[in-house]
Amino acid sequence: MARRNTLLVVGAGASAEAGLPIGRGLADQISKILRFEADRFGSAIGGDEDFRYQLERHTQQDFKSFAKTAQTMSPGILRAPSIDQFIDKHSDDERVAILGKAAVIQTILKAERNSALYADESKRKSIDSVGVRATWYAAFADLICADTNKSKLDEVFCNVTVVCFNYDRCIEQFLAFHLSELYRIPLAEARARVAGLSILRPYGLVAPLYGANAIFFGSDFRNHDIFYLANNIRTFTQQEQDHTVVTRIRKAIEEADTIAFLGFYYLQQNMKLLSPEKPTRATRIYGTAFERSGHDVIEIKNRIRGYLYNKGPNHKSAPELMIDQTKCGALLRDHSLGLDLTS
């Protein structure tokens, strides 16, 4: 249980620790899915067969025009830093968003199934505890459970909020199995408790993991309408129209005592999304900058000061910002005393 308000801002790099594709890796997979061609009769061939089947069923008479759009998207996606930014560059073309988001759904569900966090519950199997021990998921769970006995499980997520920019459900999946095995409680009970954790998602998610309209972690995408599920995720442009979640995120930033950025890229548009009306009261801010240059680290600190404290880089009242050029799990462990939620 956290004694002070603690906020985690989770970006794509955090999911990479579970083996999910991110950035250009994700874009490469989506590009292959959409790599349609036209045969000599003008019919669409190539690309991913399962995706093409669902697209034809979804679009019917408009299939050829969508297939042509997919064909032109495939090479273009490889030129963009990420699929999200590619879709945003074509915000005036609804077909690009439909195709891109459906391909994201297919890719994420497959990636969940191939990740270290997948568990075949039909065979009563758990997640690979050894494989995820070095990840930030385990480090985070250690922090929040450090001072929580089984009799106080109702308080395990008190004062903890997560802002997750990812579409996957890795956080919920790991925590459910962690609580179930650590406290020897049924998995269903553990999931109900994880559902009580405040996770704010500005860009949505593949599908809920629990409750109404839930889809199992790593569920076979062929058993679902990926074009229907595409409505669950939002582009940069669509996110700007969802004022409710943005308001809640900014309030959480404002009221946080400790903030940790995990696998976050600190893009201007996402920093702007986080920027509260009043400066955050946080006195401890940590963040990863894995494989980023020293120059980038300086700019990252400037952006945090500017967007979260509404202050310039030389303002003396902003606390020291601990931005490490390391992975998420290492950050949480290296700063375990500063991040101690029980103090």
Protein backbone atom coordinates (compact mmCIF):
# COMPACT_ATOMS: atom_id res chain seq x y z
CA MET A 1 0.00 0.00 0.00
CA ALA A 2 1.32 3.44 -0.93
CA ARG A 3 1.37 6.07 1.82
CA ARG A 4 1.79 8.90 -0.69
CA ASN A 5 0.19 9.50 -4.07
CA THR A 6 2.27 7.60 -6.61
CA LEU A 7 1.81 7.86 -10.36
CA LEU A 8 3.33 5.67 -13.06
CA VAL A 9 3.38 6.94 -16.65
CA VAL A 10 3.82 3.86 -18.82
CA GLY A 11 4.97 4.06 -22.44
CA ALA A 12 5.72 1.54 -25.18
CA GLY A 13 9.21 0.73 -23.91
CA ALA A 14 7.67 -0.79 -20.80
CA SER A 15 5.78 -3.41 -22.83
CA ALA A 16 9.01 -4.34 -24.61
CA GLU A 17 10.19 -5.94 -21.36
CA ALA A 18 7.41 -8.51 -21.77
CA GLY A 19 8.44 -9.16 -25.37
CA LEU A 20 5.85 -7.03 -27.18
CA PRO A 21 6.84 -5.20 -30.38
CA ILE A 22 7.10 -1.42 -30.17
CA GLY A 23 7.92 1.51 -32.42
CA ARG A 24 9.45 0.46 -35.71
CA GLY A 25 9.17 -3.22 -34.78
CA LEU A 26 5.41 -2.88 -34.45
CA ALA A 27 5.29 -0.81 -37.64
CA ASP A 28 7.17 -3.55 -39.53
CA GLN A 29 4.62 -6.18 -38.53
CA ILE A 30 1.69 -3.98 -39.48
CA SER A 31 3.30 -3.13 -42.81
CA LYS A 32 3.46 -6.85 -43.63
CA ILE A 33 -0.19 -7.34 -42.71
CA LEU A 34 -1.21 -4.58 -45.14
CA ARG A 35 1.14 -5.56 -47.97
CA PHE A 36 -1.64 -6.16 -50.48
CA GLU A 37 -1.10 -6.47 -54.23
CA ALA A 38 -3.41 -6.62 -57.22
CA ASP A 39 -3.38 -9.63 -59.51
CA ARG A 40 -3.82 -9.33 -63.27
CA PHE A 41 -7.59 -9.31 -62.84
CA GLY A 42 -7.46 -6.44 -60.35
CA SER A 43 -8.28 -8.61 -57.34
CA ALA A 44 -6.46 -8.03 -54.04
CA ILE A 45 -3.91 -10.64 -53.05
CA GLY A 46 -1.01 -10.75 -50.62
CA GLY A 47 -0.88 -9.25 -47.17
CA ASP A 48 -2.08 -11.26 -44.21
CA GLU A 49 -4.68 -13.82 -45.24
CA ASP A 50 -6.68 -13.69 -42.00
CA PHE A 51 -6.70 -9.90 -42.04
CA ARG A 52 -7.76 -9.85 -45.68
CA TYR A 53 -10.65 -12.21 -44.93
CA GLN A 54 -11.95 -9.99 -42.11
CA LEU A 55 -11.47 -6.86 -44.22
CA GLU A 56 -13.52 -8.31 -47.07
CA ARG A 57 -16.30 -9.31 -44.70
CA HIS A 58 -16.26 -5.89 -43.02
CA THR A 59 -16.11 -3.66 -46.11
CA GLN A 60 -18.01 -5.80 -48.66
CA GLN A 61 -18.56 -3.61 -51.75
CA ASP A 62 -15.83 -1.19 -50.64
CA PHE A 63 -13.24 -3.93 -50.28
CA LYS A 64 -11.23 -2.97 -53.37
CA SER A 65 -10.87 0.66 -52.31
CA PHE A 66 -9.78 -0.38 -48.81
CA ALA A 67 -7.35 -2.91 -50.26
CA LYS A 68 -5.85 -0.20 -52.45
CA THR A 69 -5.46 2.06 -49.40
CA ALA A 70 -3.77 -0.79 -47.52
CA GLN A 71 -1.40 -1.30 -50.45
CA THR A 72 -0.26 2.33 -50.30
CA MET A 73 -0.06 2.31 -46.50
CA SER A 74 2.32 -0.64 -46.30
CA PRO A 75 5.50 1.10 -47.53
CA GLY A 76 4.53 4.42 -45.95
CA ILE A 77 4.30 2.93 -42.46
CA LEU A 78 7.96 1.97 -42.70
CA ARG A 79 8.84 5.64 -43.17
CA ALA A 80 7.15 6.73 -39.93
CA PRO A 81 8.59 6.46 -36.40
CA SER A 82 5.47 4.55 -35.31
CA ILE A 83 2.10 3.39 -36.61
CA ASP A 84 0.37 5.96 -34.40
CA GLN A 85 2.25 8.83 -35.99
CA PHE A 86 1.57 7.47 -39.48
CA ILE A 87 -2.18 7.34 -38.82
CA ASP A 88 -2.06 10.84 -37.37
CA LYS A 89 -0.38 12.17 -40.53
CA HIS A 90 -3.40 10.90 -42.49
CA SER A 91 -6.09 12.02 -40.05
CA ASP A 92 -8.21 13.23 -42.98
CA ASP A 93 -8.50 9.68 -44.40
CA GLU A 94 -10.84 7.53 -42.33
CA ARG A 95 -9.78 4.36 -44.16
CA VAL A 96 -6.19 4.74 -42.95
CA ALA A 97 -7.37 4.86 -39.33
CA ILE A 98 -9.72 1.88 -39.78
CA LEU A 99 -7.07 -0.29 -41.43
CA GLY A 100 -4.27 0.81 -39.13
CA LYS A 101 -6.20 0.29 -35.91
CA ALA A 102 -7.53 -3.12 -36.97
CA ALA A 103 -3.99 -4.21 -37.82
CA VAL A 104 -2.84 -2.96 -34.41
CA ILE A 105 -5.52 -5.08 -32.70
CA GLN A 106 -4.42 -8.20 -34.59
CA THR A 107 -0.75 -7.56 -33.88
CA ILE A 108 -1.19 -6.84 -30.16
CA LEU A 109 -3.36 -9.90 -29.51
CA LYS A 110 -0.79 -12.11 -31.26
CA ALA A 111 2.03 -10.42 -29.35
CA GLU A 112 0.27 -10.97 -26.01
CA ARG A 113 -0.03 -14.66 -26.85
CA ASN A 114 3.69 -14.90 -27.64
CA SER A 115 4.78 -12.83 -24.64
CA ALA A 116 6.26 -13.92 -21.33
CA LEU A 117 2.97 -13.02 -19.66
CA TYR A 118 0.72 -15.42 -21.56
CA ALA A 119 -0.84 -18.25 -19.57
CA ASP A 120 -2.83 -21.11 -21.08
CA GLU A 121 -5.51 -21.28 -18.43
CA SER A 122 -7.25 -24.20 -20.16
CA LYS A 123 -4.22 -26.24 -19.08
CA ARG A 124 -4.07 -24.58 -15.65
CA LYS A 125 -0.76 -22.94 -16.49
CA SER A 126 0.58 -19.75 -14.94
CA ILE A 127 2.77 -17.07 -16.47
CA ASP A 128 6.53 -17.65 -16.73
CA SER A 129 7.57 -16.30 -13.34
CA VAL A 130 11.28 -16.76 -14.05
CA GLY A 131 11.01 -15.06 -17.43
CA VAL A 132 9.39 -11.92 -15.99
CA ARG A 133 11.35 -11.67 -12.76
CA ALA A 134 13.77 -9.07 -14.16
CA THR A 135 11.01 -6.91 -15.66
CA TRP A 136 9.50 -3.74 -14.23
CA TYR A 137 6.21 -5.58 -13.68
CA ALA A 138 7.84 -7.65 -10.93
CA ALA A 139 9.67 -4.64 -9.48
CA PHE A 140 6.45 -2.64 -9.39
CA ALA A 141 4.57 -5.49 -7.74
CA ASP A 142 7.32 -5.79 -5.12
CA LEU A 143 6.95 -2.10 -4.29
CA ILE A 144 3.18 -2.05 -3.92
CA CYS A 145 3.01 -5.33 -1.98
CA ALA A 146 5.97 -4.64 0.32
CA ASP A 147 3.88 -3.49 3.29
CA THR A 148 0.63 -5.31 2.50
CA ASN A 149 -0.43 -8.43 4.37
CA LYS A 150 -3.21 -10.67 3.11
CA SER A 151 -5.60 -9.19 5.67
CA LYS A 152 -5.10 -5.73 4.10
CA LEU A 153 -5.41 -6.66 0.44
CA ASP A 154 -8.26 -4.19 0.06
CA GLU A 155 -5.66 -1.43 0.41
CA VAL A 156 -3.00 -2.83 -1.93
CA PHE A 157 -3.61 -0.27 -4.70
CA CYS A 158 -4.48 2.70 -2.48
CA ASN A 159 -2.88 5.97 -3.64
CA VAL A 160 -1.49 4.36 -6.82
CA THR A 161 -2.49 5.50 -10.32
CA VAL A 162 -1.19 4.33 -13.69
CA VAL A 163 -1.37 6.33 -16.90
CA CYS A 164 -0.82 3.77 -19.66
CA PHE A 165 -0.19 4.83 -23.25
CA ASN A 166 -0.15 1.22 -24.50
CA TYR A 167 -2.93 -0.84 -26.06
CA ASP A 168 -1.99 -4.15 -24.40
CA ARG A 169 -3.16 -5.51 -21.04
CA CYS A 170 0.22 -6.61 -19.66
CA ILE A 171 -0.11 -4.70 -16.39
CA GLU A 172 -3.45 -6.26 -15.47
CA GLN A 173 -2.31 -9.73 -16.56
CA PHE A 174 0.86 -9.74 -14.48
CA LEU A 175 -0.67 -8.24 -11.34
CA ALA A 176 -3.55 -10.73 -11.29
CA PHE A 177 -1.24 -13.74 -11.33
CA HIS A 178 1.16 -12.06 -8.90
CA LEU A 179 -1.55 -11.40 -6.30
CA SER A 180 -3.08 -14.83 -6.79
CA GLU A 181 0.17 -16.68 -6.16
CA LEU A 182 1.74 -14.36 -3.57
CA TYR A 183 -1.36 -14.23 -1.35
CA ARG A 184 -2.75 -17.68 -2.27
CA ILE A 185 -6.11 -16.41 -3.44
CA PRO A 186 -8.23 -17.57 -6.40
CA LEU A 187 -7.30 -15.97 -9.72
CA ALA A 188 -10.84 -14.62 -10.06
CA GLU A 189 -10.50 -12.79 -6.74
CA ALA A 190 -7.09 -11.43 -7.75
CA ARG A 191 -8.53 -10.13 -11.01
CA ALA A 192 -11.34 -8.40 -9.16
CA ARG A 193 -8.77 -6.64 -6.99
CA VAL A 194 -6.66 -5.60 -9.98
CA ALA A 195 -9.81 -4.15 -11.54
CA GLY A 196 -9.75 -1.70 -8.63
CA LEU A 197 -6.39 -0.25 -9.69
CA SER A 198 -6.83 3.14 -11.35
CA ILE A 199 -5.41 2.73 -14.88
CA LEU A 200 -6.05 5.68 -17.17
CA ARG A 201 -5.60 5.01 -20.89
CA PRO A 202 -5.65 8.09 -23.15
CA TYR A 203 -5.46 5.94 -26.29
CA GLY A 204 -7.66 3.07 -25.15
CA LEU A 205 -6.81 -0.64 -25.19
CA VAL A 206 -7.41 -3.76 -27.27
CA ALA A 207 -10.31 -4.82 -25.05
CA PRO A 208 -11.10 -5.02 -21.34
CA LEU A 209 -9.42 -7.96 -19.64
CA TYR A 210 -12.18 -8.25 -17.03
CA GLY A 211 -15.87 -7.47 -16.84
CA ALA A 212 -18.23 -6.73 -19.71
CA ASN A 213 -16.90 -7.29 -23.24
CA ALA A 214 -13.73 -8.85 -21.82
CA ILE A 215 -11.29 -10.76 -24.02
CA PHE A 216 -8.71 -13.13 -22.59
CA PHE A 217 -5.07 -12.05 -22.66
CA GLY A 218 -3.56 -13.28 -25.92
CA SER A 219 -6.90 -14.51 -27.24
CA ASP A 220 -6.80 -15.77 -30.85
CA PHE A 221 -7.67 -12.71 -32.92
CA ARG A 222 -9.39 -14.94 -35.50
CA ASN A 223 -12.16 -15.53 -32.97
CA HIS A 224 -12.96 -11.80 -32.81
CA ASP A 225 -14.01 -9.03 -35.16
CA ILE A 226 -10.83 -6.96 -35.18
CA PHE A 227 -12.57 -4.13 -37.04
CA TYR A 228 -15.15 -3.90 -34.27
CA LEU A 229 -12.41 -4.00 -31.62
CA ALA A 230 -10.60 -1.22 -33.47
CA ASN A 231 -13.19 1.14 -31.99
CA ASN A 232 -11.58 0.53 -28.58
CA ILE A 233 -8.39 2.38 -29.47
CA ARG A 234 -7.90 6.03 -30.30
CA THR A 235 -5.50 7.93 -32.51
CA PHE A 236 -3.73 11.14 -31.48
CA THR A 237 -6.50 13.17 -33.11
CA GLN A 238 -9.34 11.14 -31.55
CA GLN A 239 -7.73 11.31 -28.10
CA GLU A 240 -7.87 15.10 -28.15
CA GLN A 241 -11.66 14.85 -28.29
CA ASP A 242 -11.91 12.69 -25.14
CA HIS A 243 -11.82 15.42 -22.51
CA THR A 244 -12.95 13.18 -19.62
CA VAL A 245 -9.91 10.90 -19.49
CA VAL A 246 -7.51 13.79 -20.16
CA THR A 247 -9.00 15.75 -17.25
CA ARG A 248 -8.55 12.75 -14.93
CA ILE A 249 -4.96 12.27 -16.08
CA ARG A 250 -4.04 15.90 -15.48
CA LYS A 251 -5.65 15.82 -12.05
CA ALA A 252 -3.60 12.72 -11.18
CA ILE A 253 -0.41 14.47 -12.33
CA GLU A 254 -1.30 17.53 -10.28
CA GLU A 255 -1.92 15.56 -7.08
CA ALA A 256 0.97 13.09 -7.36
CA ASP A 257 3.76 13.14 -4.77
CA THR A 258 5.95 10.75 -6.76
CA ILE A 259 5.98 10.20 -10.54
CA ALA A 260 7.86 7.52 -12.47
CA PHE A 261 8.05 7.53 -16.28
CA LEU A 262 8.59 4.00 -17.61
CA GLY A 263 9.43 3.33 -21.26
CA PHE A 264 8.03 6.73 -22.14
CA TYR A 265 9.39 8.69 -25.13
CA TYR A 266 8.41 12.18 -23.89
CA LEU A 267 6.88 13.26 -27.21
CA GLN A 268 5.62 16.84 -27.18
CA GLN A 269 2.00 15.87 -27.87
CA ASN A 270 1.98 13.35 -25.01
CA MET A 271 3.71 15.76 -22.63
CA LYS A 272 1.08 18.34 -23.53
CA LEU A 273 -1.61 15.77 -22.73
CA LEU A 274 -0.10 15.25 -19.27
CA SER A 275 0.32 18.96 -18.49
CA PRO A 276 -1.93 19.92 -15.53
CA GLU A 277 -3.64 23.27 -15.05
CA LYS A 278 -1.74 23.74 -11.79
CA PRO A 279 1.90 22.66 -11.37
CA THR A 280 2.30 19.14 -10.01
CA ARG A 281 3.17 18.91 -6.34
CA ALA A 282 5.50 15.95 -7.01
CA THR A 283 8.80 16.17 -5.15
CA ARG A 284 10.23 12.98 -6.63
CA ILE A 285 10.30 12.32 -10.37
CA TYR A 286 12.05 9.36 -11.96
CA GLY A 287 12.22 8.32 -15.59
CA THR A 288 13.86 5.99 -18.08
CA ALA A 289 15.78 7.17 -21.13
CA PHE A 290 17.01 3.83 -22.45
CA GLU A 291 19.30 4.20 -25.48
CA ARG A 292 18.79 7.98 -25.48
CA SER A 293 21.71 10.39 -25.75
CA GLY A 294 22.91 12.70 -23.01
CA HIS A 295 21.57 15.61 -25.05
CA ASP A 296 18.14 13.95 -25.12
CA VAL A 297 18.22 13.51 -21.35
CA ILE A 298 18.75 17.26 -20.93
CA GLU A 299 15.78 17.96 -23.23
CA ILE A 300 13.64 15.38 -21.40
CA LYS A 301 14.27 17.18 -18.12
CA ASN A 302 13.40 20.51 -19.72
CA ARG A 303 10.13 19.09 -21.03
CA ILE A 304 9.18 17.68 -17.64
CA ARG A 305 9.87 21.02 -15.96
CA GLY A 306 8.03 22.94 -18.64
CA TYR A 307 4.94 20.74 -18.94
CA LEU A 308 4.52 19.43 -15.38
CA TYR A 309 5.75 22.40 -13.39
CA ASN A 310 5.04 25.09 -15.99
CA LYS A 311 8.54 26.37 -15.40
CA GLY A 312 11.68 26.98 -17.44
CA PRO A 313 14.80 24.76 -17.33
CA ASN A 314 16.60 26.96 -14.77
CA HIS A 315 13.77 27.36 -12.28
CA LYS A 316 15.14 26.56 -8.82
CA SER A 317 11.93 25.30 -7.18
CA ALA A 318 11.57 22.24 -9.42
CA PRO A 319 13.01 19.12 -7.70
CA GLU A 320 15.93 17.16 -9.04
CA LEU A 321 14.78 14.95 -11.90
CA MET A 322 16.29 11.47 -11.88
CA ILE A 323 16.30 10.39 -15.52
CA ASP A 324 18.38 7.23 -16.03
CA GLN A 325 19.57 5.81 -19.34
CA THR A 326 18.34 2.38 -18.35
CA LYS A 327 15.41 -0.01 -18.71
CA CYS A 328 12.26 0.16 -16.61
CA GLY A 329 13.00 -2.73 -14.28
CA ALA A 330 16.48 -1.38 -13.54
CA LEU A 331 15.09 2.09 -12.79
CA LEU A 332 12.63 0.79 -10.20
CA ARG A 333 15.27 -1.36 -8.54
CA ASP A 334 18.06 1.23 -8.63
CA HIS A 335 15.76 3.75 -6.93
CA SER A 336 13.92 1.30 -4.69
CA LEU A 337 14.56 3.35 -1.55
CA GLY A 338 13.40 6.62 -3.11
CA LEU A 339 10.38 4.84 -4.56
CA ASP A 340 9.60 3.03 -1.30
CA LEU A 341 5.84 3.44 -1.15
CA THR A 342 5.70 2.70 2.57
CA SER A 343 7.77 5.72 3.61
